[in-house]
Amino acid sequence: MRIRKQMLEQQQEQMKQQQEQMKQQQEQMKEIQKQVEVRIKDLPYISAESLKLQLPILMDKDLKFGTGKSFDYHFFNSFDQGNRSQLILRKNFNGTTDTSKGEFDVEEDIRNFRCMVSGTVESGEIFIRLQYPDGKVFKELTINSSADINFNQSVSIGEGEKSRHTGKWSYVIKADKAVGQYMLQISTN
């Protein structure tokens, strides 16, 4: 009986300690949430109307999409950040076959180029090719059901390499009876 009482007391003490730890963690989370809310308030506001006015101009000027129907989401961002730019292409496929091609410009004053590709496919395939301005292949990937893809490549561009990296890059995205999704993201600065 005595051992049982001791065990109960130990369990109660452990429960009190766990409750105290949980209470401390909740307090920490509240503090973090307050800090995040303050930082969010400091972000500049961009109205939906402003985006409607700016994005079509940027996209018509800087990007050329094939049929255009292959993309659920595409976005080009330069927003006065000097020589930074970003292109993001995403699509979910539901057993369709489709091909899209496009181009994007890389300016001479960039120092870094980054390419990220991710995707997952249950059946069929998604093929992605990214080409240098001279037409040579920078990267080709095929996404199929054998594995999910997460690819990242960053290139620091030296003075002697600028001619290879600047100009009109091109991409090709082909889906062959694909059930899955992909994302292609290209960033320069």
Foldseek 3Di string as FASTA:
>chain_A
DVVVVVVVVVVVVVVVVVVVVVVVVVVVVVVVVVVVVVVVVVDDDDDPVNCVVPFVVCCVPFKDKFPPPFFPDWGWDDPPPPQKIKIKGKGFDDQDKDKMKMKGFHDLPWFKKKKWKWKAWCAFKKWKWKAWPVGHTPDIDIHGHPDTDIDMDMDGADPVRSVRHGGMIMMMITTHRTGIMMMMMMMID
